[in-house]
Amino acid sequence: MSSVNIGVLISGGGTNLQAIIDNVEKGNIDGEIKVVISNRRDAYGLNRARNAGIEALYMDEGEYDTEEEFNRGILKELENRDIELLVLAGYMKVLPKEFVDRYPGRIINVHPSLIPSFCGKGCYGDRVHRMALDYGVKITGVTVHFVDEGTDTGPIILQRAVEVMDGDTVETLKERVLKVEHEALPEAISLYCQGRLTIEGRRVIIDQR
């Protein structure tokens, strides 16, 4: 299987992006990040991309008449670079059906909980960790999944557990979960690029070769 062309969408600091970049450079991912796109001009992840010699684009939603046109603009940039795998690494917008139709089974997202807990509409960032703490769960974690037309409803690729400590705050829990995200997301991308993931209904089968 030839090297996979990867596109990454971000909205913030890009620590998950950095984890992907590092794993590509180490040879752990048989793919190349062709472009990083952000909907926020101040996203530090754009700097991370440029520092690694990767094309980085800020796309201003205000320059488009509608959100549909904005999303089509992103799709055009991805198609112009022959992107085969799209990764959401802290992208704070829900992708419309048009993306899923264009990249069926080829969009990967990471979520900071063990889906189906603390996920769905409005569950992102610090809110997820606050929900876990308020509920009093003893275990939370990370889910890497394919994206479908719903919100956090696509087939699950990998999950990793993170213990919740009695004295945890949103920040301390977030920090430990993020470390696990930095491991699980590159692992899932690596499996995809090796052609080892098969979707069967709601299940993702990992070839153990």
Protein backbone atom coordinates (compact mmCIF):
# COMPACT_ATOMS: atom_id res chain seq x y z
CA MET A 1 0.00 0.00 0.00
CA SER A 2 1.42 3.38 -1.04
CA SER A 3 1.84 6.33 1.31
CA VAL A 4 -1.50 7.91 2.20
CA ASN A 5 -2.18 11.60 1.58
CA ILE A 6 -3.50 13.04 4.85
CA GLY A 7 -5.36 16.28 5.49
CA VAL A 8 -5.85 17.62 9.03
CA LEU A 9 -8.51 20.06 10.25
CA ILE A 10 -7.80 22.01 13.45
CA SER A 11 -9.20 24.89 15.47
CA GLY A 12 -6.70 25.33 18.30
CA GLY A 13 -3.26 24.60 19.68
CA GLY A 14 -2.66 21.50 17.63
CA THR A 15 -1.07 19.18 20.20
CA ASN A 16 -2.75 16.20 18.55
CA LEU A 17 -1.51 17.49 15.21
CA GLN A 18 2.01 17.61 16.66
CA ALA A 19 1.66 14.00 17.78
CA ILE A 20 0.71 13.02 14.23
CA ILE A 21 3.60 15.01 12.75
CA ASP A 22 6.05 13.39 15.15
CA ASN A 23 4.83 9.89 14.30
CA VAL A 24 5.02 10.55 10.57
CA GLU A 25 8.60 11.79 10.99
CA LYS A 26 9.49 8.69 13.03
CA GLY A 27 8.14 6.43 10.29
CA ASN A 28 5.29 5.11 12.46
CA ILE A 29 2.66 6.37 10.00
CA ASP A 30 2.90 5.40 6.33
CA GLY A 31 1.41 8.67 5.19
CA GLU A 32 2.19 12.30 4.44
CA ILE A 33 0.35 15.32 5.81
CA LYS A 34 -0.34 17.36 2.67
CA VAL A 35 -2.25 20.22 4.28
CA VAL A 36 -3.44 21.52 7.65
CA ILE A 37 -6.55 23.72 7.55
CA SER A 38 -7.93 25.84 10.39
CA ASN A 39 -11.12 27.87 10.72
CA ARG A 40 -9.30 30.12 13.21
CA ARG A 41 -6.53 32.50 12.23
CA ASP A 42 -4.89 32.33 15.68
CA ALA A 43 -4.77 28.54 15.87
CA TYR A 44 -1.24 27.69 17.01
CA GLY A 45 -1.49 24.42 15.16
CA LEU A 46 -0.93 26.38 11.94
CA ASN A 47 2.50 27.35 13.28
CA ARG A 48 3.21 23.72 14.15
CA ALA A 49 2.44 22.74 10.57
CA ARG A 50 4.62 25.48 9.06
CA ASN A 51 7.49 24.60 11.39
CA ALA A 52 7.31 21.05 10.03
CA GLY A 53 7.28 22.24 6.43
CA ILE A 54 3.61 21.40 5.93
CA GLU A 55 1.24 23.65 4.00
CA ALA A 56 -1.00 25.50 6.47
CA LEU A 57 -4.21 27.28 5.46
CA TYR A 58 -6.47 29.59 7.44
CA MET A 59 -9.93 29.67 5.93
CA ASP A 60 -12.10 32.60 7.00
CA GLU A 61 -15.75 31.64 7.21
CA GLY A 62 -16.61 35.34 6.98
CA GLU A 63 -15.41 35.42 3.38
CA TYR A 64 -18.18 33.03 2.34
CA ASP A 65 -21.86 33.89 1.98
CA THR A 66 -23.04 30.70 3.67
CA GLU A 67 -21.65 27.91 5.83
CA GLU A 68 -22.33 25.53 2.94
CA GLU A 69 -20.04 27.55 0.68
CA PHE A 70 -17.38 27.62 3.41
CA ASN A 71 -17.48 23.83 3.72
CA ARG A 72 -17.33 23.43 -0.05
CA GLY A 73 -14.27 25.68 0.00
CA ILE A 74 -12.55 23.31 2.43
CA LEU A 75 -13.55 20.31 0.32
CA LYS A 76 -12.08 21.96 -2.76
CA GLU A 77 -8.75 22.53 -0.99
CA LEU A 78 -8.69 18.88 0.11
CA GLU A 79 -9.57 17.59 -3.35
CA ASN A 80 -6.92 19.80 -4.98
CA ARG A 81 -4.32 17.96 -2.87
CA ASP A 82 -5.69 14.46 -3.49
CA ILE A 83 -6.40 13.93 0.21
CA GLU A 84 -7.27 10.30 0.96
CA LEU A 85 -7.65 10.45 4.76
CA LEU A 86 -9.12 13.40 6.66
CA VAL A 87 -8.24 13.74 10.35
CA LEU A 88 -10.08 15.99 12.79
CA ALA A 89 -7.56 17.02 15.44
CA GLY A 90 -9.45 19.43 17.65
CA TYR A 91 -11.66 20.83 14.88
CA MET A 92 -14.52 22.57 16.68
CA LYS A 93 -17.13 22.31 13.96
CA VAL A 94 -19.43 19.45 13.06
CA LEU A 95 -18.81 18.26 9.51
CA PRO A 96 -21.87 18.23 7.24
CA LYS A 97 -23.10 15.21 5.30
CA GLU A 98 -21.25 16.43 2.21
CA PHE A 99 -17.90 15.60 3.84
CA VAL A 100 -19.04 12.12 4.89
CA ASP A 101 -20.33 11.43 1.37
CA ARG A 102 -17.03 12.57 -0.13
CA TYR A 103 -14.86 10.63 2.35
CA PRO A 104 -16.89 7.61 3.47
CA GLY A 105 -14.93 5.63 6.05
CA ARG A 106 -12.03 8.02 5.53
CA ILE A 107 -12.56 10.63 8.25
CA ILE A 108 -11.08 10.01 11.71
CA ASN A 109 -11.88 11.98 14.86
CA VAL A 110 -10.64 11.80 18.45
CA HIS A 111 -13.01 12.43 21.38
CA PRO A 112 -11.97 12.89 25.05
CA SER A 113 -14.29 10.31 26.63
CA LEU A 114 -15.28 6.69 26.30
CA ILE A 115 -18.11 6.94 23.78
CA PRO A 116 -21.10 6.58 24.21
CA SER A 117 -20.51 8.42 27.51
CA PHE A 118 -20.28 12.23 27.49
CA CYS A 119 -20.54 12.68 23.75
CA GLY A 120 -22.87 14.13 21.15
CA LYS A 121 -24.10 17.63 20.43
CA GLY A 122 -22.40 20.26 22.59
CA CYS A 123 -19.94 17.80 24.14
CA TYR A 124 -16.45 19.01 23.33
CA GLY A 125 -13.33 20.32 25.01
CA ASP A 126 -13.47 21.12 28.71
CA ARG A 127 -17.22 20.45 28.81
CA VAL A 128 -16.59 16.74 28.42
CA HIS A 129 -14.23 16.59 31.40
CA ARG A 130 -16.59 18.69 33.51
CA MET A 131 -19.42 16.27 32.71
CA ALA A 132 -17.28 13.29 33.71
CA LEU A 133 -16.30 14.91 37.00
CA ASP A 134 -19.85 16.05 37.78
CA TYR A 135 -21.20 12.56 37.13
CA GLY A 136 -18.59 11.02 39.40
CA VAL A 137 -17.27 8.36 37.03
CA LYS A 138 -14.16 6.49 38.09
CA ILE A 139 -12.99 5.83 34.53
CA THR A 140 -13.04 8.12 31.51
CA GLY A 141 -10.77 7.98 28.49
CA VAL A 142 -10.26 8.50 24.78
CA THR A 143 -12.16 7.30 21.74
CA VAL A 144 -10.86 7.41 18.17
CA HIS A 145 -13.64 6.80 15.68
CA PHE A 146 -14.66 7.14 12.07
CA VAL A 147 -16.98 10.06 11.38
CA ASP A 148 -20.49 9.47 10.09
CA GLU A 149 -23.45 11.81 9.68
CA GLY A 150 -24.11 12.01 13.42
CA THR A 151 -22.14 13.67 16.21
CA ASP A 152 -19.67 11.23 17.82
CA THR A 153 -21.72 8.31 16.48
CA GLY A 154 -19.35 6.73 13.96
CA PRO A 155 -17.75 3.28 14.26
CA ILE A 156 -15.12 3.11 17.01
CA ILE A 157 -11.53 2.31 16.04
CA LEU A 158 -9.73 2.48 19.40
CA GLN A 159 -10.55 3.28 23.02
CA ARG A 160 -8.19 3.88 25.92
CA ALA A 161 -9.18 4.21 29.58
CA VAL A 162 -8.01 6.96 31.92
CA GLU A 163 -8.60 6.72 35.68
CA VAL A 164 -10.34 9.64 37.36
CA MET A 165 -8.59 10.64 40.59
CA ASP A 166 -10.46 11.91 43.65
CA GLY A 167 -8.74 15.29 43.56
CA ASP A 168 -9.03 15.85 39.82
CA THR A 169 -10.01 19.19 38.35
CA VAL A 170 -11.01 19.77 34.75
CA GLU A 171 -7.42 20.81 34.00
CA THR A 172 -5.68 17.85 35.65
CA LEU A 173 -8.05 15.35 34.06
CA LYS A 174 -7.79 17.05 30.69
CA GLU A 175 -3.98 16.87 30.84
CA ARG A 176 -3.94 13.10 31.46
CA VAL A 177 -6.59 12.41 28.84
CA LEU A 178 -4.71 14.52 26.29
CA LYS A 179 -1.56 12.44 26.77
CA VAL A 180 -3.54 9.35 25.85
CA GLU A 181 -5.07 11.13 22.85
CA HIS A 182 -1.52 11.77 21.62
CA GLU A 183 -0.93 8.01 21.62
CA ALA A 184 -4.28 6.69 20.39
CA LEU A 185 -4.90 9.05 17.46
CA PRO A 186 -1.55 8.38 15.71
CA GLU A 187 -2.01 4.65 16.35
CA ALA A 188 -5.40 4.68 14.64
CA ILE A 189 -4.02 6.68 11.70
CA SER A 190 -1.14 4.20 11.41
CA LEU A 191 -3.58 1.28 11.32
CA TYR A 192 -5.59 3.00 8.61
CA CYS A 193 -2.52 3.74 6.50
CA GLN A 194 -1.47 0.09 6.79
CA GLY A 195 -4.86 -0.99 5.44
CA ARG A 196 -5.65 -2.84 8.66
CA LEU A 197 -9.08 -1.37 9.41
CA THR A 198 -12.33 -2.83 8.08
CA ILE A 199 -15.76 -1.44 8.92
CA GLU A 200 -18.47 -4.07 9.44
CA GLY A 201 -21.68 -2.35 10.45
CA ARG A 202 -20.91 -0.53 13.69
CA ARG A 203 -17.75 -2.52 14.34
CA VAL A 204 -14.22 -1.74 13.17
CA ILE A 205 -12.20 -4.92 12.70
CA ILE A 206 -8.44 -4.53 13.15
CA ASP A 207 -6.28 -6.91 11.15
CA GLN A 208 -3.86 -8.33 13.76
CA ARG A 209 -1.17 -9.29 11.25
